[in-house]
């Protein structure tokens, strides 16, 4: 294990509190937690692709980051009627 893999594990540990807030928090807190989880997951994918030396998975992380922005906007738009 190198430093990138250790950093990815540390980033993934940060997902746990966000998941708790997304599950138990108010609606607006869940939206913020969702956005934080997507950011952390993209960062973990980038760190893992660098840590394992597989540049092909780096493209997956970039595409996922772009798609998550749109997904977050759709999620907020759907929840707008309850906020």
PDB file of N, CA and C in Angstrom:
ATOM      1  N   UNK A   1       0.846  -1.178   0.000  1.00  0.00           N
ATOM      2  CA  UNK A   1       0.000   0.000   0.000  1.00  0.00           C
ATOM      3  C   UNK A   1       0.889   1.239   0.000  1.00  0.00           C
ATOM      4  N   UNK A   2       0.548   2.161  -0.876  1.00  0.00           N
ATOM      5  CA  UNK A   2       1.289   3.402  -0.908  1.00  0.00           C
ATOM      6  C   UNK A   2       0.446   4.533  -0.315  1.00  0.00           C
ATOM      7  N   UNK A   3       0.980   5.737  -0.389  1.00  0.00           N
ATOM      8  CA  UNK A   3       0.315   6.876   0.259  1.00  0.00           C
ATOM      9  C   UNK A   3      -1.033   7.198  -0.380  1.00  0.00           C
ATOM     10  N   UNK A   4      -1.166   6.967  -1.671  1.00  0.00           N
ATOM     11  CA  UNK A   4      -2.434   7.275  -2.337  1.00  0.00           C
ATOM     12  C   UNK A   4      -3.562   6.352  -1.866  1.00  0.00           C
ATOM     13  N   UNK A   5      -3.260   5.107  -1.670  1.00  0.00           N
ATOM     14  CA  UNK A   5      -4.275   4.159  -1.205  1.00  0.00           C
ATOM     15  C   UNK A   5      -4.669   4.476   0.244  1.00  0.00           C
ATOM     16  N   UNK A   6      -3.695   4.828   1.060  1.00  0.00           N
ATOM     17  CA  UNK A   6      -3.991   5.197   2.450  1.00  0.00           C
ATOM     18  C   UNK A   6      -4.851   6.459   2.483  1.00  0.00           C
ATOM     19  N   UNK A   7      -4.537   7.428   1.625  1.00  0.00           N
ATOM     20  CA  UNK A   7      -5.351   8.649   1.560  1.00  0.00           C
ATOM     21  C   UNK A   7      -6.766   8.343   1.078  1.00  0.00           C
ATOM     22  N   UNK A   8      -6.911   7.406   0.143  1.00  0.00           N
ATOM     23  CA  UNK A   8      -8.245   7.028  -0.334  1.00  0.00           C
ATOM     24  C   UNK A   8      -9.060   6.383   0.778  1.00  0.00           C
ATOM     25  N   UNK A   9      -8.414   5.567   1.587  1.00  0.00           N
ATOM     26  CA  UNK A   9      -9.119   4.948   2.717  1.00  0.00           C
ATOM     27  C   UNK A   9      -9.555   6.017   3.713  1.00  0.00           C
ATOM     28  N   UNK A  10      -8.697   6.996   3.954  1.00  0.00           N
ATOM     29  CA  UNK A  10      -9.064   8.086   4.869  1.00  0.00           C
ATOM     30  C   UNK A  10     -10.228   8.901   4.324  1.00  0.00           C
ATOM     31  N   UNK A  11     -10.245   9.122   3.023  1.00  0.00           N
ATOM     32  CA  UNK A  11     -11.360   9.851   2.414  1.00  0.00           C
ATOM     33  C   UNK A  11     -12.648   9.046   2.521  1.00  0.00           C
ATOM     34  N   UNK A  12     -12.561   7.737   2.322  1.00  0.00           N
ATOM     35  CA  UNK A  12     -13.752   6.896   2.423  1.00  0.00           C
ATOM     36  C   UNK A  12     -14.303   6.827   3.840  1.00  0.00           C
ATOM     37  N   UNK A  13     -13.441   6.968   4.832  1.00  0.00           N
ATOM     38  CA  UNK A  13     -13.922   7.030   6.221  1.00  0.00           C
ATOM     39  C   UNK A  13     -14.754   8.289   6.430  1.00  0.00           C
ATOM     40  N   UNK A  14     -14.412   9.357   5.700  1.00  0.00           N
ATOM     41  CA  UNK A  14     -15.184  10.592   5.798  1.00  0.00           C
ATOM     42  C   UNK A  14     -16.578  10.502   5.219  1.00  0.00           C
ATOM     43  N   UNK A  15     -16.862   9.451   4.473  1.00  0.00           N
ATOM     44  CA  UNK A  15     -18.198   9.272   3.899  1.00  0.00           C
ATOM     45  C   UNK A  15     -19.201   8.851   4.971  1.00  0.00           C
ATOM     46  N   UNK A  16     -18.732   8.174   5.993  1.00  0.00           N
ATOM     47  CA  UNK A  16     -19.639   7.634   7.024  1.00  0.00           C
ATOM     48  C   UNK A  16     -20.446   8.739   7.724  1.00  0.00           C
ATOM     49  N   UNK A  17     -19.828   9.821   8.223  1.00  0.00           N
ATOM     50  CA  UNK A  17     -20.656  10.861   8.847  1.00  0.00           C
ATOM     51  C   UNK A  17     -21.622  11.519   7.870  1.00  0.00           C
ATOM     52  N   UNK A  18     -21.200  11.664   6.627  1.00  0.00           N
ATOM     53  CA  UNK A  18     -22.097  12.249   5.632  1.00  0.00           C
ATOM     54  C   UNK A  18     -23.292  11.339   5.375  1.00  0.00           C
ATOM     55  N   UNK A  19     -23.059  10.043   5.366  1.00  0.00           N
ATOM     56  CA  UNK A  19     -24.160   9.103   5.160  1.00  0.00           C
ATOM     57  C   UNK A  19     -25.141   9.136   6.325  1.00  0.00           C
ATOM     58  N   UNK A  20     -24.634   9.301   7.526  1.00  0.00           N
ATOM     59  CA  UNK A  20     -25.517   9.396   8.697  1.00  0.00           C
ATOM     60  C   UNK A  20     -26.381  10.652   8.595  1.00  0.00           C
ATOM     61  N   UNK A  21     -25.768  11.765   8.202  1.00  0.00           N
ATOM     62  CA  UNK A  21     -26.529  13.011   8.058  1.00  0.00           C
ATOM     63  C   UNK A  21     -27.542  12.881   6.929  1.00  0.00           C
ATOM     64  N   UNK A  22     -27.153  12.242   5.840  1.00  0.00           N
ATOM     65  CA  UNK A  22     -28.085  12.063   4.722  1.00  0.00           C
ATOM     66  C   UNK A  22     -29.274  11.203   5.115  1.00  0.00           C
ATOM     67  N   UNK A  23     -29.044  10.257   5.995  1.00  0.00           N
ATOM     68  CA  UNK A  23     -30.117   9.351   6.416  1.00  0.00           C
ATOM     69  C   UNK A  23     -31.017   9.972   7.484  1.00  0.00           C
ATOM     70  N   UNK A  24     -30.415  10.682   8.435  1.00  0.00           N
ATOM     71  CA  UNK A  24     -31.191  11.139   9.593  1.00  0.00           C
ATOM     72  C   UNK A  24     -31.465  12.632   9.631  1.00  0.00           C
ATOM     73  N   UNK A  25     -30.801  13.403   8.788  1.00  0.00           N
ATOM     74  CA  UNK A  25     -30.948  14.848   8.827  1.00  0.00           C
ATOM     75  C   UNK A  25     -32.214  15.331   8.141  1.00  0.00           C
ATOM     76  N   UNK A  26     -32.409  16.640   8.194  1.00  0.00           N
ATOM     77  CA  UNK A  26     -33.525  17.253   7.483  1.00  0.00           C
ATOM     78  C   UNK A  26     -33.262  17.171   5.988  1.00  0.00           C
ATOM     79  N   UNK A  27     -34.237  17.573   5.209  1.00  0.00           N
ATOM     80  CA  UNK A  27     -34.133  17.440   3.758  1.00  0.00           C
ATOM     81  C   UNK A  27     -32.975  18.249   3.186  1.00  0.00           C
ATOM     82  N   UNK A  28     -32.825  19.479   3.613  1.00  0.00           N
ATOM     83  CA  UNK A  28     -31.755  20.317   3.086  1.00  0.00           C
ATOM     84  C   UNK A  28     -30.393  19.804   3.543  1.00  0.00           C
ATOM     85  N   UNK A  29     -30.315  19.255   4.740  1.00  0.00           N
ATOM     86  CA  UNK A  29     -29.064  18.658   5.218  1.00  0.00           C
ATOM     87  C   UNK A  29     -28.714  17.413   4.411  1.00  0.00           C
ATOM     88  N   UNK A  30     -29.734  16.661   4.001  1.00  0.00           N
ATOM     89  CA  UNK A  30     -29.499  15.474   3.183  1.00  0.00           C
ATOM     90  C   UNK A  30     -28.954  15.847   1.808  1.00  0.00           C
ATOM     91  N   UNK A  31     -29.416  16.947   1.265  1.00  0.00           N
ATOM     92  CA  UNK A  31     -28.915  17.402  -0.028  1.00  0.00           C
ATOM     93  C   UNK A  31     -27.440  17.786   0.077  1.00  0.00           C
ATOM     94  N   UNK A  32     -27.087  18.502   1.125  1.00  0.00           N
ATOM     95  CA  UNK A  32     -25.694  18.895   1.328  1.00  0.00           C
ATOM     96  C   UNK A  32     -24.826  17.662   1.568  1.00  0.00           C
ATOM     97  N   UNK A  33     -25.324  16.720   2.321  1.00  0.00           N
ATOM     98  CA  UNK A  33     -24.574  15.482   2.567  1.00  0.00           C
ATOM     99  C   UNK A  33     -24.399  14.688   1.275  1.00  0.00           C
ATOM    100  N   UNK A  34     -25.409  14.664   0.439  1.00  0.00           N
ATOM    101  CA  UNK A  34     -25.306  13.986  -0.856  1.00  0.00           C
ATOM    102  C   UNK A  34     -24.211  14.597  -1.720  1.00  0.00           C
ATOM    103  N   UNK A  35     -24.180  15.916  -1.765  1.00  0.00           N
ATOM    104  CA  UNK A  35     -23.146  16.591  -2.546  1.00  0.00           C
ATOM    105  C   UNK A  35     -21.757  16.327  -1.960  1.00  0.00           C
ATOM    106  N   UNK A  36     -21.647  16.306  -0.648  1.00  0.00           N
ATOM    107  CA  UNK A  36     -20.354  16.017  -0.018  1.00  0.00           C
ATOM    108  C   UNK A  36     -19.916  14.583  -0.301  1.00  0.00           C
ATOM    109  N   UNK A  37     -20.854  13.650  -0.264  1.00  0.00           N
ATOM    110  CA  UNK A  37     -20.524  12.250  -0.557  1.00  0.00           C
ATOM    111  C   UNK A  37     -20.038  12.108  -1.996  1.00  0.00           C
ATOM    112  N   UNK A  38     -20.684  12.786  -2.927  1.00  0.00           N
ATOM    113  CA  UNK A  38     -20.237  12.686  -4.314  1.00  0.00           C
ATOM    114  C   UNK A  38     -18.835  13.251  -4.487  1.00  0.00           C
ATOM    115  N   UNK A  39     -18.540  14.354  -3.819  1.00  0.00           N
ATOM    116  CA  UNK A  39     -17.187  14.912  -3.896  1.00  0.00           C
ATOM    117  C   UNK A  39     -16.159  13.953  -3.313  1.00  0.00           C
ATOM    118  N   UNK A  40     -16.490  13.366  -2.183  1.00  0.00           N
ATOM    119  CA  UNK A  40     -15.554  12.436  -1.548  1.00  0.00           C
ATOM    120  C   UNK A  40     -15.348  11.170  -2.378  1.00  0.00           C
ATOM    121  N   UNK A  41     -16.402  10.684  -3.006  1.00  0.00           N
ATOM    122  CA  UNK A  41     -16.269   9.482  -3.821  1.00  0.00           C
ATOM    123  C   UNK A  41     -15.412   9.730  -5.067  1.00  0.00           C
ATOM    124  N   UNK A  42     -15.580  10.887  -5.676  1.00  0.00           N
ATOM    125  CA  UNK A  42     -14.749  11.224  -6.831  1.00  0.00           C
ATOM    126  C   UNK A  42     -13.288  11.330  -6.403  1.00  0.00           C
ATOM    127  N   UNK A  43     -13.039  11.970  -5.270  1.00  0.00           N
ATOM    128  CA  UNK A  43     -11.671  12.087  -4.775  1.00  0.00           C
ATOM    129  C   UNK A  43     -11.084  10.713  -4.466  1.00  0.00           C
ATOM    130  N   UNK A  44     -11.878   9.823  -3.889  1.00  0.00           N
ATOM    131  CA  UNK A  44     -11.389   8.478  -3.588  1.00  0.00           C
ATOM    132  C   UNK A  44     -11.067   7.711  -4.865  1.00  0.00           C
ATOM    133  N   UNK A  45     -11.895   7.851  -5.902  1.00  0.00           N
ATOM    134  CA  UNK A  45     -11.608   7.182  -7.164  1.00  0.00           C
ATOM    135  C   UNK A  45     -10.327   7.701  -7.807  1.00  0.00           C
ATOM    136  N   UNK A  46     -10.112   9.001  -7.725  1.00  0.00           N
ATOM    137  CA  UNK A  46      -8.879   9.574  -8.271  1.00  0.00           C
ATOM    138  C   UNK A  46      -7.670   9.060  -7.504  1.00  0.00           C
ATOM    139  N   UNK A  47      -7.762   9.037  -6.187  1.00  0.00           N
ATOM    140  CA  UNK A  47      -6.645   8.552  -5.379  1.00  0.00           C
ATOM    141  C   UNK A  47      -6.368   7.071  -5.624  1.00  0.00           C
ATOM    142  N   UNK A  48      -7.414   6.279  -5.745  1.00  0.00           N
ATOM    143  CA  UNK A  48      -7.215   4.856  -5.998  1.00  0.00           C
ATOM    144  C   UNK A  48      -6.636   4.588  -7.383  1.00  0.00           C
ATOM    145  N   UNK A  49      -7.067   5.341  -8.372  1.00  0.00           N
ATOM    146  CA  UNK A  49      -6.503   5.129  -9.709  1.00  0.00           C
ATOM    147  C   UNK A  49      -5.032   5.506  -9.745  1.00  0.00           C
ATOM    148  N   UNK A  50      -4.652   6.538  -9.038  1.00  0.00           N
ATOM    149  CA  UNK A  50      -3.236   6.905  -8.965  1.00  0.00           C
ATOM    150  C   UNK A  50      -2.459   5.907  -8.109  1.00  0.00           C
ATOM    151  N   UNK A  51      -3.067   5.457  -7.024  1.00  0.00           N
ATOM    152  CA  UNK A  51      -2.400   4.521  -6.127  1.00  0.00           C
ATOM    153  C   UNK A  51      -2.116   3.177  -6.759  1.00  0.00           C
ATOM    154  N   UNK A  52      -3.019   2.698  -7.602  1.00  0.00           N
ATOM    155  CA  UNK A  52      -2.818   1.417  -8.262  1.00  0.00           C
ATOM    156  C   UNK A  52      -2.157   1.564  -9.628  1.00  0.00           C
ATOM    157  N   UNK A  53      -1.887   2.798 -10.033  1.00  0.00           N
ATOM    158  CA  UNK A  53      -1.208   3.025 -11.294  1.00  0.00           C
ATOM    159  C   UNK A  53      -2.037   2.705 -12.516  1.00  0.00           C
ATOM    160  N   UNK A  54      -3.326   2.888 -12.429  1.00  0.00           N
ATOM    161  CA  UNK A  54      -4.223   2.582 -13.550  1.00  0.00           C
ATOM    162  C   UNK A  54      -4.866   3.884 -14.019  1.00  0.00           C
ATOM    163  N   UNK A  55      -4.313   4.444 -15.052  1.00  0.00           N
ATOM    164  CA  UNK A  55      -4.792   5.741 -15.525  1.00  0.00           C
ATOM    165  C   UNK A  55      -6.172   5.659 -16.180  1.00  0.00           C
ATOM    166  N   UNK A  56      -6.604   4.485 -16.583  1.00  0.00           N
ATOM    167  CA  UNK A  56      -7.924   4.333 -17.201  1.00  0.00           C
ATOM    168  C   UNK A  56      -9.057   4.655 -16.254  1.00  0.00           C
ATOM    169  N   UNK A  57      -8.886   4.331 -14.994  1.00  0.00           N
ATOM    170  CA  UNK A  57      -9.931   4.630 -14.018  1.00  0.00           C
ATOM    171  C   UNK A  57      -9.998   6.119 -13.674  1.00  0.00           C
ATOM    172  N   UNK A  58      -8.951   6.862 -13.988  1.00  0.00           N
ATOM    173  CA  UNK A  58      -8.989   8.303 -13.762  1.00  0.00           C
ATOM    174  C   UNK A  58     -10.067   8.945 -14.620  1.00  0.00           C
ATOM    175  N   UNK A  59     -10.243   8.444 -15.832  1.00  0.00           N
ATOM    176  CA  UNK A  59     -11.296   8.964 -16.710  1.00  0.00           C
ATOM    177  C   UNK A  59     -12.676   8.697 -16.127  1.00  0.00           C
ATOM    178  N   UNK A  60     -12.846   7.547 -15.487  1.00  0.00           N
ATOM    179  CA  UNK A  60     -14.116   7.239 -14.834  1.00  0.00           C
ATOM    180  C   UNK A  60     -14.431   8.262 -13.756  1.00  0.00           C
ATOM    181  N   UNK A  61     -13.426   8.641 -12.975  1.00  0.00           N
ATOM    182  CA  UNK A  61     -13.649   9.623 -11.915  1.00  0.00           C
ATOM    183  C   UNK A  61     -14.030  10.991 -12.481  1.00  0.00           C
ATOM    184  N   UNK A  62     -13.413  11.380 -13.576  1.00  0.00           N
ATOM    185  CA  UNK A  62     -13.737  12.683 -14.185  1.00  0.00           C
ATOM    186  C   UNK A  62     -15.151  12.669 -14.749  1.00  0.00           C
ATOM    187  N   UNK A  63     -15.525  11.597 -15.430  1.00  0.00           N
ATOM    188  CA  UNK A  63     -16.880  11.490 -15.974  1.00  0.00           C
ATOM    189  C   UNK A  63     -17.905  11.449 -14.845  1.00  0.00           C
ATOM    190  N   UNK A  64     -17.590  10.731 -13.789  1.00  0.00           N
ATOM    191  CA  UNK A  64     -18.490  10.664 -12.642  1.00  0.00           C
ATOM    192  C   UNK A  64     -18.679  12.032 -12.002  1.00  0.00           C
ATOM    193  N   UNK A  65     -17.612  12.821 -11.918  1.00  0.00           N
ATOM    194  CA  UNK A  65     -17.717  14.161 -11.345  1.00  0.00           C
ATOM    195  C   UNK A  65     -18.648  15.037 -12.166  1.00  0.00           C
ATOM    196  N   UNK A  66     -18.554  14.950 -13.470  1.00  0.00           N
ATOM    197  CA  UNK A  66     -19.426  15.754 -14.332  1.00  0.00           C
ATOM    198  C   UNK A  66     -20.876  15.292 -14.207  1.00  0.00           C
ATOM    199  N   UNK A  67     -21.093  13.983 -14.175  1.00  0.00           N
ATOM    200  CA  UNK A  67     -22.460  13.471 -14.077  1.00  0.00           C
ATOM    201  C   UNK A  67     -23.083  13.734 -12.713  1.00  0.00           C
ATOM    202  N   UNK A  68     -22.276  13.747 -11.668  1.00  0.00           N
ATOM    203  CA  UNK A  68     -22.806  13.979 -10.328  1.00  0.00           C
ATOM    204  C   UNK A  68     -23.304  15.413 -10.153  1.00  0.00           C
ATOM    205  N   UNK A  69     -22.702  16.358 -10.870  1.00  0.00           N
ATOM    206  CA  UNK A  69     -23.194  17.743 -10.801  1.00  0.00           C
ATOM    207  C   UNK A  69     -24.629  17.799 -11.319  1.00  0.00           C
ATOM    208  N   UNK A  70     -24.851  17.191 -12.478  1.00  0.00           N
ATOM    209  CA  UNK A  70     -26.205  17.150 -13.030  1.00  0.00           C
ATOM    210  C   UNK A  70     -27.152  16.347 -12.168  1.00  0.00           C
ATOM    211  N   UNK A  71     -26.669  15.238 -11.601  1.00  0.00           N
ATOM    212  CA  UNK A  71     -27.501  14.429 -10.719  1.00  0.00           C
ATOM    213  C   UNK A  71     -27.909  15.182  -9.467  1.00  0.00           C
ATOM    214  N   UNK A  72     -27.001  15.962  -8.933  1.00  0.00           N
ATOM    215  CA  UNK A  72     -27.332  16.773  -7.758  1.00  0.00           C
ATOM    216  C   UNK A  72     -28.376  17.828  -8.068  1.00  0.00           C
ATOM    217  N   UNK A  73     -28.283  18.421  -9.249  1.00  0.00           N
ATOM    218  CA  UNK A  73     -29.274  19.423  -9.630  1.00  0.00           C
ATOM    219  C   UNK A  73     -30.653  18.797  -9.832  1.00  0.00           C
ATOM    220  N   UNK A  74     -30.691  17.611 -10.414  1.00  0.00           N
ATOM    221  CA  UNK A  74     -31.972  16.910 -10.584  1.00  0.00           C
ATOM    222  C   UNK A  74     -32.540  16.522  -9.224  1.00  0.00           C
ATOM    223  N   UNK A  75     -31.654  16.074  -8.328  1.00  0.00           N
ATOM    224  CA  UNK A  75     -32.085  15.701  -6.986  1.00  0.00           C
ATOM    225  C   UNK A  75     -32.694  16.894  -6.253  1.00  0.00           C
ATOM    226  N   UNK A  76     -32.048  18.042  -6.329  1.00  0.00           N
ATOM    227  CA  UNK A  76     -32.557  19.250  -5.670  1.00  0.00           C
ATOM    228  C   UNK A  76     -33.861  19.693  -6.320  1.00  0.00           C
ATOM    229  N   UNK A  77     -33.937  19.610  -7.623  1.00  0.00           N
ATOM    230  CA  UNK A  77     -35.154  20.012  -8.327  1.00  0.00           C
ATOM    231  C   UNK A  77     -36.334  19.127  -7.923  1.00  0.00           C
ATOM    232  N   UNK A  78     -36.070  17.837  -7.768  1.00  0.00           N
ATOM    233  CA  UNK A  78     -37.130  16.910  -7.347  1.00  0.00           C
ATOM    234  C   UNK A  78     -37.568  17.192  -5.921  1.00  0.00           C
ATOM    235  N   UNK A  79     -36.609  17.493  -5.049  1.00  0.00           N
ATOM    236  CA  UNK A  79     -36.956  17.752  -3.654  1.00  0.00           C
ATOM    237  C   UNK A  79     -37.476  19.160  -3.408  1.00  0.00           C
ATOM    238  N   UNK A  80     -37.431  19.993  -4.415  1.00  0.00           N
ATOM    239  CA  UNK A  80     -37.833  21.388  -4.250  1.00  0.00           C
ATOM    240  C   UNK A  80     -39.280  21.523  -3.787  1.00  0.00           C
ATOM    241  N   UNK A  81     -40.123  20.635  -4.191  1.00  0.00           N
ATOM    242  CA  UNK A  81     -41.514  20.753  -3.785  1.00  0.00           C
ATOM    243  C   UNK A  81     -41.729  20.470  -2.300  1.00  0.00           C
ATOM    244  N   UNK A  82     -40.782  19.763  -1.646  1.00  0.00           N
ATOM    245  CA  UNK A  82     -40.921  19.499  -0.219  1.00  0.00           C
ATOM    246  C   UNK A  82     -40.140  20.464   0.645  1.00  0.00           C
ATOM    247  N   UNK A  83     -39.264  21.260   0.048  1.00  0.00           N
ATOM    248  CA  UNK A  83     -38.434  22.173   0.851  1.00  0.00           C
ATOM    249  C   UNK A  83     -39.136  23.439   1.182  1.00  0.00           C
TER     250      UNK A  83
END
